[in-house]
Amino acid sequence: MWVFDDEEVGLSREPFVCGVPEIFDKLLLGKRISAHSFNLIFSGQPFPNSEHASWSKGEDGGNWYSMDIEGTQFTGWLCPALFRYYEQAPSDLYFSVQKAA
């Protein structure tokens, strides 16, 4: 199970579920990054070399996002922890996975 910590917003071992682990698996494999530890950088605005996911719909307090990776469509649900970073779900999310330092 993929989990993340962010002490600044009070999250510890927060799980990624419902399609998001499969997205990370695909991205990490393509970038040859170890699945044991990586950094995730995200923003509501594009930045250099970022991946793009589009909002699809809200459901059960969270939000579904979809993206294309190497010609395959992926969909993942982000839980209400998203609102620790945004007042409302962004229509577009930009992110990058990078090797942990």
Protein backbone atom coordinates (compact mmCIF):
# COMPACT_ATOMS: atom_id res chain seq x y z
CA MET A 1 0.00 0.00 0.00
CA TRP A 2 1.28 3.46 -0.89
CA VAL A 3 1.20 5.92 2.03
CA PHE A 4 2.59 9.39 2.61
CA ASP A 5 3.56 11.65 5.49
CA ASP A 6 3.31 15.42 5.67
CA GLU A 7 3.87 16.72 9.17
CA GLU A 8 3.14 20.30 8.08
CA VAL A 9 -0.54 19.45 7.51
CA GLY A 10 -0.85 16.75 10.17
CA LEU A 11 -0.82 13.65 7.98
CA SER A 12 0.99 10.43 8.85
CA ARG A 13 0.83 7.20 6.83
CA GLU A 14 -2.09 8.56 4.78
CA PRO A 15 -2.93 5.88 2.18
CA PHE A 16 -3.28 6.29 -1.56
CA VAL A 17 -6.11 4.06 -2.82
CA CYS A 18 -8.47 3.45 -5.75
CA GLY A 19 -6.19 3.58 -8.78
CA VAL A 20 -3.51 5.95 -7.44
CA PRO A 21 -1.08 3.11 -6.53
CA GLU A 22 -1.32 1.82 -10.12
CA ILE A 23 -0.51 5.31 -11.42
CA PHE A 24 2.56 5.53 -9.18
CA ASP A 25 3.65 2.01 -10.16
CA LYS A 26 3.55 2.95 -13.85
CA LEU A 27 5.30 6.30 -13.41
CA LEU A 28 8.03 4.94 -11.13
CA LEU A 29 8.73 2.01 -13.43
CA GLY A 30 9.01 4.34 -16.43
CA LYS A 31 11.43 6.63 -14.59
CA ARG A 32 13.36 3.76 -12.98
CA ILE A 33 12.74 5.10 -9.48
CA SER A 34 12.68 2.77 -6.49
CA ALA A 35 9.21 2.08 -5.18
CA HIS A 36 10.52 2.05 -1.59
CA SER A 37 10.92 5.79 -1.26
CA PHE A 38 10.34 8.71 -3.59
CA ASN A 39 9.37 12.36 -3.45
CA LEU A 40 6.08 13.58 -4.85
CA ILE A 41 5.83 17.23 -5.82
CA PHE A 42 2.42 18.56 -6.83
CA SER A 43 0.75 21.81 -7.77
CA GLY A 44 -2.45 23.23 -9.22
CA GLN A 45 -0.24 25.01 -11.78
CA PRO A 46 1.99 23.46 -14.45
CA PHE A 47 5.74 23.29 -13.80
CA PRO A 48 8.67 21.94 -15.87
CA ASN A 49 8.60 18.17 -16.52
CA SER A 50 5.34 17.69 -14.61
CA GLU A 51 2.67 15.09 -15.31
CA HIS A 52 -0.92 16.28 -15.74
CA ALA A 53 -4.15 14.86 -14.32
CA SER A 54 -7.64 16.26 -14.98
CA TRP A 55 -10.51 16.34 -12.52
CA SER A 56 -13.32 13.94 -13.45
CA LYS A 57 -15.84 14.05 -10.60
CA GLY A 58 -16.27 14.21 -6.84
CA GLU A 59 -17.36 11.13 -4.92
CA ASP A 60 -17.57 10.15 -1.24
CA GLY A 61 -15.79 13.32 -0.10
CA GLY A 62 -12.84 12.78 -2.46
CA ASN A 63 -12.16 13.45 -6.12
CA TRP A 64 -11.43 11.36 -9.18
CA TYR A 65 -8.64 12.44 -11.55
CA SER A 66 -7.66 10.91 -14.88
CA MET A 67 -4.50 10.99 -16.93
CA ASP A 68 -2.83 9.37 -19.90
CA ILE A 69 0.45 7.53 -19.37
CA GLU A 70 2.12 6.18 -22.50
CA GLY A 71 -1.20 5.87 -24.33
CA THR A 72 -3.09 4.21 -21.46
CA GLN A 73 -5.82 6.03 -19.54
CA PHE A 74 -5.53 5.86 -15.74
CA THR A 75 -8.03 7.07 -13.14
CA GLY A 76 -7.37 7.55 -9.44
CA TRP A 77 -9.31 8.82 -6.43
CA LEU A 78 -7.77 11.35 -4.07
CA CYS A 79 -9.24 11.27 -0.57
CA PRO A 80 -10.40 14.33 1.41
CA ALA A 81 -6.79 14.88 2.56
CA LEU A 82 -6.54 16.85 -0.71
CA PHE A 83 -8.37 19.64 1.13
CA ARG A 84 -5.42 20.04 3.49
CA TYR A 85 -3.72 21.61 0.45
CA TYR A 86 -6.60 23.17 -1.51
CA GLU A 87 -9.87 24.81 -0.48
CA GLN A 88 -11.56 23.12 -3.44
CA ALA A 89 -10.43 20.35 -5.76
CA PRO A 90 -8.35 21.81 -8.60
CA SER A 91 -9.59 21.13 -12.12
CA ASP A 92 -6.02 20.21 -13.05
CA LEU A 93 -3.24 18.70 -10.95
CA TYR A 94 0.40 18.72 -11.99
CA PHE A 95 2.91 16.49 -10.28
CA SER A 96 6.30 14.88 -10.51
CA VAL A 97 7.77 11.76 -8.91
CA GLN A 98 11.47 12.01 -8.13
CA LYS A 99 14.14 9.90 -6.48
CA ALA A 100 14.29 10.49 -2.74
CA ALA A 101 17.40 12.31 -1.60
